[in-house]
Amino acid sequence: MELRDKVAIITGASSGIGEAIARKLSAEGVRLVITARREDRLKALSAELPGPCVYLPAAIELPQTPQALLDLALSSYGRVDILVNNAGMFVAGSLDTIDLDALAQMTRVNFDAVVRASYLFARGFKQQKAGAIVNVSSIGAYLSSSSVGVYSGLKHALEIFTSALRVELKGSGVRVGTIAPGTTDTEIFDHMRARGETVRADQTPQLDPADIAAAVHFMLAQPERANVARLLLVSSAESV
């Protein structure tokens, strides 16, 4: 796909992987619509990017947000070509202490919102016979740990959902895939450190968000005949 002048929507773009993807695609000439909760971060990022960028401060799990993003893209650029579902949250804890309401919120953000956005944009992409959806999964989709069972389960479900959507859209011109990053230096670990929690990732080399952004660019830049269905990118110190 020739990326210059394409239009991409990126969720969770206010920091970390989403921000890095926005910077990478903008540098490649992609016109952007970015979203996250923190308007100040979105405004600052939009001003720094080299190419056109509009932003929508919103909670991605709200049912109206995907349609609002589509409307903003169409009113700003007249089309949409790429959807990157990156927004997510991380909740972990033991059976006896974990916050069940926080788990429900994570389900809404990490899975329900991705399904809604993927279906909405896939319908439009199918009609225009072109488009790409990249859903950001996690190394957690392939791991079993007593403290992160729901997080890992949601990421595994995301992998299966994305694969099924890809199969459903075969021959339509729409490409669909997941990228599963390994341990990446993002705000998730900053929040854990701030709470005084032990961050095991500090003991091994971590990926940089820019590494994930480069991989997403690789997925999108493939020729139209090629679809990177699943990409697992881990640090040199990790095994799955």
Protein backbone atom coordinates (compact mmCIF):
# COMPACT_ATOMS: atom_id res chain seq x y z
CA MET A 1 0.00 0.00 0.00
CA GLU A 2 1.24 3.47 -0.87
CA LEU A 3 0.75 5.26 2.44
CA ARG A 4 1.25 8.89 1.45
CA ASP A 5 -2.03 10.82 1.66
CA LYS A 6 -3.90 7.86 3.12
CA VAL A 7 -6.12 8.61 6.13
CA ALA A 8 -5.60 6.69 9.37
CA ILE A 9 -7.48 6.64 12.65
CA ILE A 10 -5.40 5.76 15.70
CA THR A 11 -6.94 5.12 19.09
CA GLY A 12 -5.07 5.50 22.36
CA ALA A 13 -2.76 8.01 20.71
CA SER A 14 -1.96 10.25 23.66
CA SER A 15 1.13 8.31 24.76
CA GLY A 16 3.19 5.16 24.33
CA ILE A 17 2.59 2.91 21.36
CA GLY A 18 -0.29 4.95 19.96
CA GLU A 19 1.72 8.15 20.02
CA ALA A 20 4.67 6.40 18.37
CA ILE A 21 2.43 5.02 15.62
CA ALA A 22 1.03 8.49 15.01
CA ARG A 23 4.52 9.96 14.71
CA LYS A 24 5.68 7.22 12.34
CA LEU A 25 2.68 7.34 10.02
CA SER A 26 2.64 11.13 9.95
CA ALA A 27 6.30 11.11 8.94
CA GLU A 28 5.30 8.80 6.06
CA GLY A 29 2.73 11.28 4.77
CA VAL A 30 -0.39 9.73 6.32
CA ARG A 31 -3.18 12.11 7.33
CA LEU A 32 -4.36 11.36 10.84
CA VAL A 33 -7.32 11.30 13.15
CA ILE A 34 -6.14 10.57 16.68
CA THR A 35 -8.15 9.92 19.81
CA ALA A 36 -7.67 9.33 23.52
CA ARG A 37 -9.08 10.70 26.75
CA ARG A 38 -6.45 13.38 27.41
CA GLU A 39 -7.18 16.39 25.22
CA ASP A 40 -4.04 18.25 26.25
CA ARG A 41 -1.84 15.38 25.05
CA LEU A 42 -3.71 15.07 21.77
CA LYS A 43 -3.51 18.81 21.13
CA ALA A 44 0.23 18.88 21.80
CA LEU A 45 0.91 15.84 19.63
CA SER A 46 -1.21 17.17 16.77
CA ALA A 47 0.79 20.40 16.79
CA GLU A 48 4.11 18.53 16.67
CA LEU A 49 3.33 16.18 13.80
CA PRO A 50 4.66 17.06 10.34
CA GLY A 51 1.43 16.26 8.51
CA PRO A 52 -2.30 16.95 8.80
CA CYS A 53 -3.85 15.74 12.04
CA VAL A 54 -7.17 16.26 13.76
CA TYR A 55 -8.07 14.88 17.14
CA LEU A 56 -11.07 13.79 19.16
CA PRO A 57 -10.84 13.59 22.96
CA ALA A 58 -13.16 10.72 23.88
CA ALA A 59 -13.57 7.50 25.79
CA ILE A 60 -13.18 4.75 23.21
CA GLU A 61 -15.54 2.38 25.03
CA LEU A 62 -18.54 4.69 24.58
CA PRO A 63 -20.79 3.31 21.82
CA GLN A 64 -20.88 6.62 19.96
CA THR A 65 -17.10 7.13 19.77
CA PRO A 66 -16.28 5.01 16.68
CA GLN A 67 -19.01 6.75 14.66
CA ALA A 68 -17.75 10.13 15.87
CA LEU A 69 -14.26 9.22 14.67
CA LEU A 70 -15.61 8.17 11.29
CA ASP A 71 -17.60 11.38 10.97
CA LEU A 72 -14.55 13.47 11.88
CA ALA A 73 -12.39 11.69 9.31
CA LEU A 74 -14.96 12.12 6.56
CA SER A 75 -15.56 15.78 7.34
CA SER A 76 -11.81 16.50 7.55
CA TYR A 77 -10.44 14.38 4.71
CA GLY A 78 -13.37 12.86 2.84
CA ARG A 79 -12.30 9.24 3.39
CA VAL A 80 -10.72 6.68 5.72
CA ASP A 81 -8.17 4.04 4.73
CA ILE A 82 -6.64 2.68 7.94
CA LEU A 83 -7.85 1.89 11.45
CA VAL A 84 -5.35 1.15 14.22
CA ASN A 85 -7.12 -0.08 17.36
CA ASN A 86 -4.43 0.58 19.95
CA ALA A 87 -6.30 1.90 22.99
CA GLY A 88 -6.15 -0.40 25.97
CA MET A 89 -5.77 -0.72 29.71
CA PHE A 90 -4.10 -3.18 32.04
CA VAL A 91 -5.65 -4.56 35.21
CA ALA A 92 -3.96 -7.30 37.21
CA GLY A 93 -4.32 -8.78 40.64
CA SER A 94 -5.01 -11.88 42.65
CA LEU A 95 -8.36 -13.63 42.94
CA ASP A 96 -8.87 -12.23 46.44
CA THR A 97 -8.01 -8.60 45.77
CA ILE A 98 -8.70 -7.74 42.13
CA ASP A 99 -11.23 -4.99 41.41
CA LEU A 100 -14.11 -6.61 39.52
CA ASP A 101 -15.44 -3.27 38.27
CA ALA A 102 -12.00 -2.46 36.85
CA LEU A 103 -12.02 -5.81 35.06
CA ALA A 104 -15.38 -4.98 33.51
CA GLN A 105 -14.05 -1.62 32.36
CA MET A 106 -11.00 -3.33 30.85
CA THR A 107 -13.31 -5.67 28.95
CA ARG A 108 -15.15 -2.70 27.49
CA VAL A 109 -11.95 -0.95 26.43
CA ASN A 110 -9.76 -3.86 25.35
CA PHE A 111 -12.34 -5.94 23.54
CA ASP A 112 -15.84 -4.50 23.18
CA ALA A 113 -14.61 -1.17 21.78
CA VAL A 114 -12.27 -2.89 19.33
CA VAL A 115 -15.06 -5.11 18.03
CA ARG A 116 -17.41 -2.16 17.55
CA ALA A 117 -14.81 -0.03 15.76
CA SER A 118 -13.55 -2.93 13.64
CA TYR A 119 -17.04 -3.80 12.41
CA LEU A 120 -18.00 -0.19 11.74
CA PHE A 121 -14.91 0.61 9.69
CA ALA A 122 -14.76 -2.80 8.02
CA ARG A 123 -18.21 -2.18 6.54
CA GLY A 124 -16.99 1.04 4.95
CA PHE A 125 -13.72 -0.50 3.79
CA LYS A 126 -15.62 -3.39 2.20
CA GLN A 127 -17.77 -0.96 0.24
CA GLN A 128 -14.73 0.94 -1.05
CA LYS A 129 -12.91 -2.37 -1.72
CA ALA A 130 -9.81 -1.20 0.13
CA GLY A 131 -8.64 -0.54 3.65
CA ALA A 132 -6.59 -1.93 6.52
CA ILE A 133 -7.31 -2.70 10.16
CA VAL A 134 -4.51 -3.33 12.66
CA ASN A 135 -5.55 -4.44 16.13
CA VAL A 136 -2.89 -4.15 18.84
CA SER A 137 -2.80 -7.34 20.88
CA SER A 138 -0.12 -8.36 23.38
CA ILE A 139 2.37 -11.06 24.23
CA GLY A 140 -0.12 -11.71 27.03
CA ALA A 141 -2.38 -13.40 24.49
CA TYR A 142 0.05 -16.35 24.51
CA LEU A 143 0.77 -16.51 28.24
CA SER A 144 -1.04 -17.88 31.27
CA SER A 145 -0.45 -16.12 34.57
CA SER A 146 -2.55 -16.19 37.71
CA SER A 147 -2.55 -12.40 38.08
CA VAL A 148 -3.41 -11.39 34.51
CA GLY A 149 -5.90 -14.02 33.41
CA VAL A 150 -8.59 -11.58 32.27
CA TYR A 151 -6.12 -9.32 30.45
CA SER A 152 -4.55 -12.28 28.66
CA GLY A 153 -7.95 -13.78 27.93
CA LEU A 154 -9.15 -10.57 26.33
CA LYS A 155 -6.04 -10.30 24.18
CA HIS A 156 -6.41 -13.93 23.10
CA ALA A 157 -10.04 -13.27 22.23
CA LEU A 158 -8.92 -10.24 20.23
CA GLU A 159 -6.54 -12.42 18.22
CA ILE A 160 -9.31 -14.92 17.41
CA PHE A 161 -11.82 -12.19 16.57
CA THR A 162 -9.35 -10.44 14.26
CA SER A 163 -8.47 -13.67 12.49
CA ALA A 164 -12.15 -14.44 11.93
CA LEU A 165 -12.76 -10.94 10.58
CA ARG A 166 -9.84 -11.35 8.19
CA VAL A 167 -11.30 -14.61 6.87
CA GLU A 168 -14.74 -13.03 6.49
CA LEU A 169 -13.22 -10.20 4.43
CA LYS A 170 -11.03 -12.34 2.20
CA GLY A 171 -11.10 -11.18 -1.40
CA SER A 172 -12.72 -7.87 -0.47
CA GLY A 173 -9.56 -5.77 -0.69
CA VAL A 174 -9.61 -5.19 3.08
CA ARG A 175 -6.58 -6.33 5.04
CA VAL A 176 -6.85 -7.23 8.73
CA GLY A 177 -4.19 -8.27 11.22
CA THR A 178 -2.91 -8.12 14.77
CA ILE A 179 0.40 -7.07 16.21
CA ALA A 180 1.32 -8.54 19.58
CA PRO A 181 4.05 -6.51 21.28
CA GLY A 182 6.24 -7.99 23.93
CA THR A 183 7.26 -6.02 27.00
CA THR A 184 7.29 -2.37 25.93
CA ASP A 185 8.31 0.72 27.87
CA THR A 186 4.97 2.50 28.26
CA GLU A 187 2.96 4.37 30.90
CA ILE A 188 1.49 1.11 32.17
CA PHE A 189 4.72 0.42 34.02
CA ASP A 190 4.99 4.04 35.19
CA HIS A 191 1.59 3.70 36.88
CA MET A 192 2.65 0.43 38.51
CA ARG A 193 5.85 2.01 39.84
CA ALA A 194 3.88 4.97 41.17
CA ARG A 195 1.73 2.54 43.15
CA GLY A 196 4.83 0.93 44.59
CA GLU A 197 4.31 -2.32 42.70
CA THR A 198 7.18 -4.49 41.54
CA VAL A 199 7.70 -4.27 37.80
CA ARG A 200 9.35 -7.47 36.65
CA ALA A 201 9.87 -5.94 33.22
CA ASP A 202 12.51 -3.63 34.74
CA GLN A 203 14.80 -6.64 35.04
CA THR A 204 15.00 -7.32 31.29
CA PRO A 205 15.44 -5.22 28.14
CA GLN A 206 12.19 -3.73 26.89
CA LEU A 207 10.97 -2.73 23.48
CA ASP A 208 10.58 0.95 22.67
CA PRO A 209 7.18 2.15 21.39
CA ALA A 210 8.98 3.22 18.21
CA ASP A 211 9.78 -0.46 17.57
CA ILE A 212 6.07 -1.26 17.52
CA ALA A 213 5.34 1.73 15.31
CA ALA A 214 7.92 0.55 12.78
CA ALA A 215 6.30 -2.90 12.75
CA VAL A 216 2.83 -1.43 12.19
CA HIS A 217 4.25 0.59 9.30
CA PHE A 218 5.69 -2.64 7.89
CA MET A 219 2.27 -4.30 8.07
CA LEU A 220 0.54 -1.42 6.32
CA ALA A 221 3.19 -0.91 3.65
CA GLN A 222 2.90 -4.41 2.21
CA PRO A 223 1.60 -4.71 -1.36
CA GLU A 224 -2.14 -5.14 -1.68
CA ARG A 225 -1.74 -8.86 -2.41
CA ALA A 226 -0.09 -9.41 1.01
CA ASN A 227 -1.76 -9.39 4.43
CA VAL A 228 0.31 -9.68 7.62
CA ALA A 229 -2.29 -11.59 9.60
CA ARG A 230 -0.37 -11.82 12.89
CA LEU A 231 2.91 -10.28 13.98
CA LEU A 232 4.55 -11.13 17.32
CA LEU A 233 7.32 -8.69 18.21
CA VAL A 234 9.24 -9.38 21.41
CA SER A 235 12.42 -8.07 22.95
CA SER A 236 15.61 -10.05 22.49
CA ALA A 237 15.38 -11.16 26.12
CA GLU A 238 11.88 -12.64 25.96
CA SER A 239 10.57 -16.09 25.14
CA VAL A 240 6.97 -17.10 24.58
